[in-house]
Amino acid sequence: MIVFDRLWKTLADNNISRYKLIKDYGISKSQLVRMKKNANVTVLTIDRLCQVLHCRVEDIMEYQPDLPESPNGQESPSSQNAHSDAEF
């Protein structure tokens, strides 16, 4: 799973608010909401954030492995996909 926790720290370090990203830099509000929820966002948004913040991708997002099992003891969808990917 990709998480955007680093984005919020990078914004604070650069003294840039979400409002400023939207109003001054044209970052979509819906994309910021999706990042807050660690949901899918466009590569264009990531590229634009790196331009605005003068940073690298690692400064705004990171990969964290999904848990292999869900709380009910069944495999998570991501681990099921890993098995099917191995067949290719």
PDB file of N, CA and C in Angstrom:
ATOM      1  N   MET A   1       0.846  -1.162   0.000  1.00  0.00           N
ATOM      2  CA  MET A   1       0.000   0.000   0.000  1.00  0.00           C
ATOM      3  C   MET A   1       0.902   1.238   0.000  1.00  0.00           C
ATOM      4  N   ILE A   2       0.524   2.222  -0.776  1.00  0.00           N
ATOM      5  CA  ILE A   2       1.221   3.496  -0.790  1.00  0.00           C
ATOM      6  C   ILE A   2       0.546   4.412   0.227  1.00  0.00           C
ATOM      7  N   VAL A   3       1.356   5.025   1.091  1.00  0.00           N
ATOM      8  CA  VAL A   3       0.821   5.956   2.076  1.00  0.00           C
ATOM      9  C   VAL A   3       1.472   7.330   1.857  1.00  0.00           C
ATOM     10  N   PHE A   4       0.721   8.367   2.154  1.00  0.00           N
ATOM     11  CA  PHE A   4       1.157   9.730   1.890  1.00  0.00           C
ATOM     12  C   PHE A   4       1.462  10.508   3.165  1.00  0.00           C
ATOM     13  N   ASP A   5       1.787   9.821   4.242  1.00  0.00           N
ATOM     14  CA  ASP A   5       2.093  10.492   5.508  1.00  0.00           C
ATOM     15  C   ASP A   5       3.234  11.494   5.355  1.00  0.00           C
ATOM     16  N   ARG A   6       4.203  11.169   4.523  1.00  0.00           N
ATOM     17  CA  ARG A   6       5.357  12.054   4.339  1.00  0.00           C
ATOM     18  C   ARG A   6       4.969  13.369   3.660  1.00  0.00           C
ATOM     19  N   LEU A   7       3.911  13.343   2.859  1.00  0.00           N
ATOM     20  CA  LEU A   7       3.466  14.565   2.183  1.00  0.00           C
ATOM     21  C   LEU A   7       3.117  15.646   3.195  1.00  0.00           C
ATOM     22  N   TRP A   8       2.385  15.281   4.223  1.00  0.00           N
ATOM     23  CA  TRP A   8       1.918  16.266   5.195  1.00  0.00           C
ATOM     24  C   TRP A   8       3.088  16.881   5.958  1.00  0.00           C
ATOM     25  N   LYS A   9       4.102  16.086   6.241  1.00  0.00           N
ATOM     26  CA  LYS A   9       5.304  16.607   6.896  1.00  0.00           C
ATOM     27  C   LYS A   9       6.076  17.526   5.950  1.00  0.00           C
ATOM     28  N   THR A  10       6.206  17.118   4.690  1.00  0.00           N
ATOM     29  CA  THR A  10       6.917  17.932   3.705  1.00  0.00           C
ATOM     30  C   THR A  10       6.209  19.267   3.489  1.00  0.00           C
ATOM     31  N   LEU A  11       4.879  19.237   3.462  1.00  0.00           N
ATOM     32  CA  LEU A  11       4.122  20.482   3.344  1.00  0.00           C
ATOM     33  C   LEU A  11       4.411  21.401   4.528  1.00  0.00           C
ATOM     34  N   ALA A  12       4.381  20.855   5.732  1.00  0.00           N
ATOM     35  CA  ALA A  12       4.649  21.645   6.933  1.00  0.00           C
ATOM     36  C   ALA A  12       6.077  22.200   6.918  1.00  0.00           C
ATOM     37  N   ASP A  13       7.028  21.364   6.526  1.00  0.00           N
ATOM     38  CA  ASP A  13       8.428  21.798   6.468  1.00  0.00           C
ATOM     39  C   ASP A  13       8.617  22.953   5.481  1.00  0.00           C
ATOM     40  N   ASN A  14       7.819  22.961   4.406  1.00  0.00           N
ATOM     41  CA  ASN A  14       7.902  24.012   3.384  1.00  0.00           C
ATOM     42  C   ASN A  14       6.913  25.152   3.634  1.00  0.00           C
ATOM     43  N   ASN A  15       6.189  25.071   4.741  1.00  0.00           N
ATOM     44  CA  ASN A  15       5.209  26.093   5.110  1.00  0.00           C
ATOM     45  C   ASN A  15       4.190  26.332   3.985  1.00  0.00           C
ATOM     46  N   ILE A  16       3.701  25.242   3.403  1.00  0.00           N
ATOM     47  CA  ILE A  16       2.693  25.310   2.342  1.00  0.00           C
ATOM     48  C   ILE A  16       1.439  24.588   2.833  1.00  0.00           C
ATOM     49  N   SER A  17       0.313  25.275   2.763  1.00  0.00           N
ATOM     50  CA  SER A  17      -0.952  24.686   3.202  1.00  0.00           C
ATOM     51  C   SER A  17      -1.633  23.958   2.054  1.00  0.00           C
ATOM     52  N   ARG A  18      -2.588  23.126   2.397  1.00  0.00           N
ATOM     53  CA  ARG A  18      -3.398  22.463   1.369  1.00  0.00           C
ATOM     54  C   ARG A  18      -4.169  23.501   0.561  1.00  0.00           C
ATOM     55  N   TYR A  19      -4.635  24.531   1.243  1.00  0.00           N
ATOM     56  CA  TYR A  19      -5.354  25.607   0.558  1.00  0.00           C
ATOM     57  C   TYR A  19      -4.466  26.241  -0.521  1.00  0.00           C
ATOM     58  N   LYS A  20      -3.216  26.498  -0.173  1.00  0.00           N
ATOM     59  CA  LYS A  20      -2.271  27.095  -1.130  1.00  0.00           C
ATOM     60  C   LYS A  20      -2.021  26.152  -2.305  1.00  0.00           C
ATOM     61  N   LEU A  21      -1.920  24.844  -2.039  1.00  0.00           N
ATOM     62  CA  LEU A  21      -1.744  23.879  -3.133  1.00  0.00           C
ATOM     63  C   LEU A  21      -2.899  23.967  -4.125  1.00  0.00           C
ATOM     64  N   ILE A  22      -4.100  24.104  -3.590  1.00  0.00           N
ATOM     65  CA  ILE A  22      -5.294  24.152  -4.435  1.00  0.00           C
ATOM     66  C   ILE A  22      -5.373  25.486  -5.182  1.00  0.00           C
ATOM     67  N   LYS A  23      -5.274  26.586  -4.461  1.00  0.00           N
ATOM     68  CA  LYS A  23      -5.495  27.920  -5.039  1.00  0.00           C
ATOM     69  C   LYS A  23      -4.318  28.421  -5.875  1.00  0.00           C
ATOM     70  N   ASP A  24      -3.094  28.227  -5.384  1.00  0.00           N
ATOM     71  CA  ASP A  24      -1.937  28.808  -6.063  1.00  0.00           C
ATOM     72  C   ASP A  24      -1.253  27.862  -7.050  1.00  0.00           C
ATOM     73  N   TYR A  25      -1.359  26.556  -6.798  1.00  0.00           N
ATOM     74  CA  TYR A  25      -0.612  25.609  -7.618  1.00  0.00           C
ATOM     75  C   TYR A  25      -1.494  24.673  -8.445  1.00  0.00           C
ATOM     76  N   GLY A  26      -2.809  24.810  -8.315  1.00  0.00           N
ATOM     77  CA  GLY A  26      -3.716  24.039  -9.160  1.00  0.00           C
ATOM     78  C   GLY A  26      -3.810  22.555  -8.851  1.00  0.00           C
ATOM     79  N   ILE A  27      -3.448  22.166  -7.642  1.00  0.00           N
ATOM     80  CA  ILE A  27      -3.601  20.764  -7.241  1.00  0.00           C
ATOM     81  C   ILE A  27      -5.078  20.531  -6.939  1.00  0.00           C
ATOM     82  N   SER A  28      -5.623  19.465  -7.460  1.00  0.00           N
ATOM     83  CA  SER A  28      -7.040  19.158  -7.294  1.00  0.00           C
ATOM     84  C   SER A  28      -7.370  18.830  -5.834  1.00  0.00           C
ATOM     85  N   LYS A  29      -8.431  19.455  -5.337  1.00  0.00           N
ATOM     86  CA  LYS A  29      -8.883  19.179  -3.967  1.00  0.00           C
ATOM     87  C   LYS A  29      -9.224  17.701  -3.808  1.00  0.00           C
ATOM     88  N   SER A  30      -9.860  17.120  -4.823  1.00  0.00           N
ATOM     89  CA  SER A  30     -10.235  15.708  -4.727  1.00  0.00           C
ATOM     90  C   SER A  30      -9.005  14.801  -4.652  1.00  0.00           C
ATOM     91  N   GLN A  31      -7.928  15.182  -5.335  1.00  0.00           N
ATOM     92  CA  GLN A  31      -6.702  14.391  -5.258  1.00  0.00           C
ATOM     93  C   GLN A  31      -6.089  14.482  -3.861  1.00  0.00           C
ATOM     94  N   LEU A  32      -6.147  15.665  -3.241  1.00  0.00           N
ATOM     95  CA  LEU A  32      -5.635  15.801  -1.874  1.00  0.00           C
ATOM     96  C   LEU A  32      -6.460  14.986  -0.886  1.00  0.00           C
ATOM     97  N   VAL A  33      -7.781  14.967  -1.081  1.00  0.00           N
ATOM     98  CA  VAL A  33      -8.647  14.150  -0.226  1.00  0.00           C
ATOM     99  C   VAL A  33      -8.285  12.679  -0.385  1.00  0.00           C
ATOM    100  N   ARG A  34      -8.058  12.257  -1.616  1.00  0.00           N
ATOM    101  CA  ARG A  34      -7.688  10.864  -1.862  1.00  0.00           C
ATOM    102  C   ARG A  34      -6.342  10.535  -1.198  1.00  0.00           C
ATOM    103  N   MET A  35      -5.408  11.474  -1.239  1.00  0.00           N
ATOM    104  CA  MET A  35      -4.111  11.253  -0.588  1.00  0.00           C
ATOM    105  C   MET A  35      -4.278  11.155   0.926  1.00  0.00           C
ATOM    106  N   LYS A  36      -5.157  11.960   1.481  1.00  0.00           N
ATOM    107  CA  LYS A  36      -5.407  11.905   2.928  1.00  0.00           C
ATOM    108  C   LYS A  36      -5.928  10.525   3.332  1.00  0.00           C
ATOM    109  N   LYS A  37      -6.676   9.888   2.422  1.00  0.00           N
ATOM    110  CA  LYS A  37      -7.230   8.552   2.669  1.00  0.00           C
ATOM    111  C   LYS A  37      -6.316   7.440   2.159  1.00  0.00           C
ATOM    112  N   ASN A  38      -5.122   7.801   1.672  1.00  0.00           N
ATOM    113  CA  ASN A  38      -4.184   6.843   1.080  1.00  0.00           C
ATOM    114  C   ASN A  38      -4.823   6.057  -0.064  1.00  0.00           C
ATOM    115  N   ALA A  39      -5.641   6.741  -0.840  1.00  0.00           N
ATOM    116  CA  ALA A  39      -6.297   6.127  -2.001  1.00  0.00           C
ATOM    117  C   ALA A  39      -5.467   6.414  -3.257  1.00  0.00           C
ATOM    118  N   ASN A  40      -5.900   5.853  -4.378  1.00  0.00           N
ATOM    119  CA  ASN A  40      -5.196   6.050  -5.649  1.00  0.00           C
ATOM    120  C   ASN A  40      -5.257   7.505  -6.091  1.00  0.00           C
ATOM    121  N   VAL A  41      -4.130   7.998  -6.584  1.00  0.00           N
ATOM    122  CA  VAL A  41      -4.057   9.332  -7.170  1.00  0.00           C
ATOM    123  C   VAL A  41      -3.309   9.238  -8.495  1.00  0.00           C
ATOM    124  N   THR A  42      -3.406  10.284  -9.297  1.00  0.00           N
ATOM    125  CA  THR A  42      -2.757  10.250 -10.595  1.00  0.00           C
ATOM    126  C   THR A  42      -1.259  10.521 -10.470  1.00  0.00           C
ATOM    127  N   VAL A  43      -0.521   9.997 -11.417  1.00  0.00           N
ATOM    128  CA  VAL A  43       0.912  10.260 -11.476  1.00  0.00           C
ATOM    129  C   VAL A  43       1.142  11.746 -11.770  1.00  0.00           C
ATOM    130  N   LEU A  44       0.259  12.344 -12.521  1.00  0.00           N
ATOM    131  CA  LEU A  44       0.343  13.779 -12.796  1.00  0.00           C
ATOM    132  C   LEU A  44       0.326  14.589 -11.496  1.00  0.00           C
ATOM    133  N   THR A  45      -0.513  14.190 -10.558  1.00  0.00           N
ATOM    134  CA  THR A  45      -0.577  14.875  -9.262  1.00  0.00           C
ATOM    135  C   THR A  45       0.731  14.717  -8.506  1.00  0.00           C
ATOM    136  N   ILE A  46       1.275  13.519  -8.505  1.00  0.00           N
ATOM    137  CA  ILE A  46       2.544  13.265  -7.808  1.00  0.00           C
ATOM    138  C   ILE A  46       3.660  14.085  -8.451  1.00  0.00           C
ATOM    139  N   ASP A  47       3.680  14.113  -9.776  1.00  0.00           N
ATOM    140  CA  ASP A  47       4.676  14.889 -10.500  1.00  0.00           C
ATOM    141  C   ASP A  47       4.564  16.377 -10.151  1.00  0.00           C
ATOM    142  N   ARG A  48       3.354  16.887 -10.150  1.00  0.00           N
ATOM    143  CA  ARG A  48       3.127  18.306  -9.850  1.00  0.00           C
ATOM    144  C   ARG A  48       3.541  18.638  -8.413  1.00  0.00           C
ATOM    145  N   LEU A  49       3.221  17.764  -7.466  1.00  0.00           N
ATOM    146  CA  LEU A  49       3.617  17.990  -6.073  1.00  0.00           C
ATOM    147  C   LEU A  49       5.141  18.038  -5.938  1.00  0.00           C
ATOM    148  N   CYS A  50       5.825  17.159  -6.622  1.00  0.00           N
ATOM    149  CA  CYS A  50       7.293  17.162  -6.576  1.00  0.00           C
ATOM    150  C   CYS A  50       7.854  18.455  -7.160  1.00  0.00           C
ATOM    151  N   GLN A  51       7.222  18.961  -8.226  1.00  0.00           N
ATOM    152  CA  GLN A  51       7.654  20.236  -8.809  1.00  0.00           C
ATOM    153  C   GLN A  51       7.437  21.380  -7.827  1.00  0.00           C
ATOM    154  N   VAL A  52       6.244  21.440  -7.257  1.00  0.00           N
ATOM    155  CA  VAL A  52       5.883  22.529  -6.340  1.00  0.00           C
ATOM    156  C   VAL A  52       6.762  22.516  -5.088  1.00  0.00           C
ATOM    157  N   LEU A  53       6.982  21.339  -4.535  1.00  0.00           N
ATOM    158  CA  LEU A  53       7.714  21.212  -3.276  1.00  0.00           C
ATOM    159  C   LEU A  53       9.218  21.063  -3.460  1.00  0.00           C
ATOM    160  N   HIS A  54       9.662  20.989  -4.728  1.00  0.00           N
ATOM    161  CA  HIS A  54      11.088  20.795  -5.030  1.00  0.00           C
ATOM    162  C   HIS A  54      11.639  19.605  -4.239  1.00  0.00           C
ATOM    163  N   CYS A  55      10.933  18.476  -4.397  1.00  0.00           N
ATOM    164  CA  CYS A  55      11.296  17.287  -3.622  1.00  0.00           C
ATOM    165  C   CYS A  55      11.280  16.044  -4.504  1.00  0.00           C
ATOM    166  N   ARG A  56      11.649  14.950  -3.906  1.00  0.00           N
ATOM    167  CA  ARG A  56      11.616  13.655  -4.576  1.00  0.00           C
ATOM    168  C   ARG A  56      10.354  12.911  -4.165  1.00  0.00           C
ATOM    169  N   VAL A  57      10.015  11.903  -4.928  1.00  0.00           N
ATOM    170  CA  VAL A  57       8.816  11.100  -4.640  1.00  0.00           C
ATOM    171  C   VAL A  57       8.867  10.553  -3.215  1.00  0.00           C
ATOM    172  N   GLU A  58      10.037  10.146  -2.767  1.00  0.00           N
ATOM    173  CA  GLU A  58      10.190   9.575  -1.422  1.00  0.00           C
ATOM    174  C   GLU A  58       9.847  10.568  -0.326  1.00  0.00           C
ATOM    175  N   ASP A  59       9.831  11.848  -0.662  1.00  0.00           N
ATOM    176  CA  ASP A  59       9.507  12.873   0.332  1.00  0.00           C
ATOM    177  C   ASP A  59       8.005  13.048   0.527  1.00  0.00           C
ATOM    178  N   ILE A  60       7.199  12.468  -0.364  1.00  0.00           N
ATOM    179  CA  ILE A  60       5.754  12.636  -0.237  1.00  0.00           C
ATOM    180  C   ILE A  60       4.986  11.330  -0.096  1.00  0.00           C
ATOM    181  N   MET A  61       5.633  10.215  -0.394  1.00  0.00           N
ATOM    182  CA  MET A  61       4.923   8.938  -0.284  1.00  0.00           C
ATOM    183  C   MET A  61       5.903   7.816   0.003  1.00  0.00           C
ATOM    184  N   GLU A  62       5.366   6.718   0.521  1.00  0.00           N
ATOM    185  CA  GLU A  62       6.198   5.537   0.756  1.00  0.00           C
ATOM    186  C   GLU A  62       5.360   4.281   0.618  1.00  0.00           C
ATOM    187  N   TYR A  63       6.036   3.200   0.327  1.00  0.00           N
ATOM    188  CA  TYR A  63       5.389   1.895   0.224  1.00  0.00           C
ATOM    189  C   TYR A  63       5.441   1.215   1.577  1.00  0.00           C
ATOM    190  N   GLN A  64       4.300   0.705   2.015  1.00  0.00           N
ATOM    191  CA  GLN A  64       4.227  -0.121   3.214  1.00  0.00           C
ATOM    192  C   GLN A  64       3.532  -1.417   2.811  1.00  0.00           C
ATOM    193  N   PRO A  65       4.158  -2.556   3.057  1.00  0.00           N
ATOM    194  CA  PRO A  65       3.537  -3.827   2.660  1.00  0.00           C
ATOM    195  C   PRO A  65       2.186  -4.034   3.331  1.00  0.00           C
ATOM    196  N   ASP A  66       1.264  -4.605   2.570  1.00  0.00           N
ATOM    197  CA  ASP A  66      -0.034  -4.980   3.133  1.00  0.00           C
ATOM    198  C   ASP A  66       0.157  -6.152   4.074  1.00  0.00           C
ATOM    199  N   LEU A  67      -0.730  -6.271   5.037  1.00  0.00           N
ATOM    200  CA  LEU A  67      -0.697  -7.427   5.928  1.00  0.00           C
ATOM    201  C   LEU A  67      -1.126  -8.658   5.137  1.00  0.00           C
ATOM    202  N   PRO A  68      -0.482  -9.807   5.351  1.00  0.00           N
ATOM    203  CA  PRO A  68      -0.818 -10.993   4.558  1.00  0.00           C
ATOM    204  C   PRO A  68      -2.191 -11.582   4.860  1.00  0.00           C
ATOM    205  N   GLU A  69      -2.715 -11.334   6.049  1.00  0.00           N
ATOM    206  CA  GLU A  69      -4.021 -11.887   6.397  1.00  0.00           C
ATOM    207  C   GLU A  69      -4.912 -10.792   6.960  1.00  0.00           C
ATOM    208  N   SER A  70      -6.203 -10.926   6.680  1.00  0.00           N
ATOM    209  CA  SER A  70      -7.170  -9.994   7.238  1.00  0.00           C
ATOM    210  C   SER A  70      -7.549 -10.463   8.648  1.00  0.00           C
ATOM    211  N   PRO A  71      -8.236  -9.638   9.414  1.00  0.00           N
ATOM    212  CA  PRO A  71      -8.592 -10.015  10.792  1.00  0.00           C
ATOM    213  C   PRO A  71      -9.435 -11.296  10.895  1.00  0.00           C
ATOM    214  N   ASN A  72     -10.168 -11.655   9.823  1.00  0.00           N
ATOM    215  CA  ASN A  72     -10.991 -12.861   9.883  1.00  0.00           C
ATOM    216  C   ASN A  72     -10.208 -14.120   9.490  1.00  0.00           C
ATOM    217  N   GLY A  73      -8.877 -13.973   9.301  1.00  0.00           N
ATOM    218  CA  GLY A  73      -8.048 -15.146   9.036  1.00  0.00           C
ATOM    219  C   GLY A  73      -7.927 -15.526   7.574  1.00  0.00           C
ATOM    220  N   GLN A  74      -8.565 -14.792   6.666  1.00  0.00           N
ATOM    221  CA  GLN A  74      -8.447 -15.087   5.247  1.00  0.00           C
ATOM    222  C   GLN A  74      -7.374 -14.209   4.634  1.00  0.00           C
ATOM    223  N   GLU A  75      -6.849 -14.668   3.499  1.00  0.00           N
ATOM    224  CA  GLU A  75      -5.844 -13.889   2.803  1.00  0.00           C
ATOM    225  C   GLU A  75      -6.448 -12.573   2.333  1.00  0.00           C
ATOM    226  N   SER A  76      -5.637 -11.515   2.400  1.00  0.00           N
ATOM    227  CA  SER A  76      -6.089 -10.233   1.874  1.00  0.00           C
ATOM    228  C   SER A  76      -6.066 -10.299   0.349  1.00  0.00           C
ATOM    229  N   PRO A  77      -6.835  -9.453  -0.329  1.00  0.00           N
ATOM    230  CA  PRO A  77      -6.832  -9.454  -1.794  1.00  0.00           C
ATOM    231  C   PRO A  77      -5.446  -9.249  -2.387  1.00  0.00           C
ATOM    232  N   SER A  78      -4.605  -8.441  -1.733  1.00  0.00           N
ATOM    233  CA  SER A  78      -3.269  -8.199  -2.275  1.00  0.00           C
ATOM    234  C   SER A  78      -2.411  -9.455  -2.224  1.00  0.00           C
ATOM    235  N   SER A  79      -2.556 -10.282  -1.183  1.00  0.00           N
ATOM    236  CA  SER A  79      -1.760 -11.504  -1.132  1.00  0.00           C
ATOM    237  C   SER A  79      -2.296 -12.532  -2.115  1.00  0.00           C
ATOM    238  N   GLN A  80      -3.596 -12.494  -2.396  1.00  0.00           N
ATOM    239  CA  GLN A  80      -4.151 -13.377  -3.407  1.00  0.00           C
ATOM    240  C   GLN A  80      -3.610 -12.976  -4.782  1.00  0.00           C
ATOM    241  N   ASN A  81      -3.512 -11.673  -5.040  1.00  0.00           N
ATOM    242  CA  ASN A  81      -2.963 -11.202  -6.300  1.00  0.00           C
ATOM    243  C   ASN A  81      -1.499 -11.600  -6.450  1.00  0.00           C
ATOM    244  N   ALA A  82      -0.774 -11.607  -5.362  1.00  0.00           N
ATOM    245  CA  ALA A  82       0.642 -11.995  -5.415  1.00  0.00           C
ATOM    246  C   ALA A  82       0.769 -13.427  -5.869  1.00  0.00           C
ATOM    247  N   HIS A  83      -0.159 -14.307  -5.423  1.00  0.00           N
ATOM    248  CA  HIS A  83      -0.121 -15.702  -5.858  1.00  0.00           C
ATOM    249  C   HIS A  83      -0.427 -15.799  -7.339  1.00  0.00           C
ATOM    250  N   SER A  84      -1.424 -15.066  -7.805  1.00  0.00           N
ATOM    251  CA  SER A  84      -1.799 -15.160  -9.215  1.00  0.00           C
ATOM    252  C   SER A  84      -0.731 -14.535 -10.099  1.00  0.00           C
ATOM    253  N   ASP A  85      -0.044 -13.509  -9.620  1.00  0.00           N
ATOM    254  CA  ASP A  85       1.036 -12.882 -10.400  1.00  0.00           C
ATOM    255  C   ASP A  85       2.188 -13.861 -10.604  1.00  0.00           C
ATOM    256  N   ALA A  86       2.412 -14.732  -9.637  1.00  0.00           N
ATOM    257  CA  ALA A  86       3.506 -15.688  -9.739  1.00  0.00           C
ATOM    258  C   ALA A  86       3.299 -16.665 -10.887  1.00  0.00           C
ATOM    259  N   GLU A  87       2.059 -16.841 -11.312  1.00  0.00           N
ATOM    260  CA  GLU A  87       1.770 -17.773 -12.395  1.00  0.00           C
ATOM    261  C   GLU A  87       2.242 -17.248 -13.744  1.00  0.00           C
ATOM    262  N   PHE A  88       2.432 -15.943 -13.868  1.00  0.00           N
ATOM    263  CA  PHE A  88       2.886 -15.360 -15.124  1.00  0.00           C
ATOM    264  C   PHE A  88       4.339 -15.558 -15.226  1.00  0.00           C
TER     265      PHE A  88
END
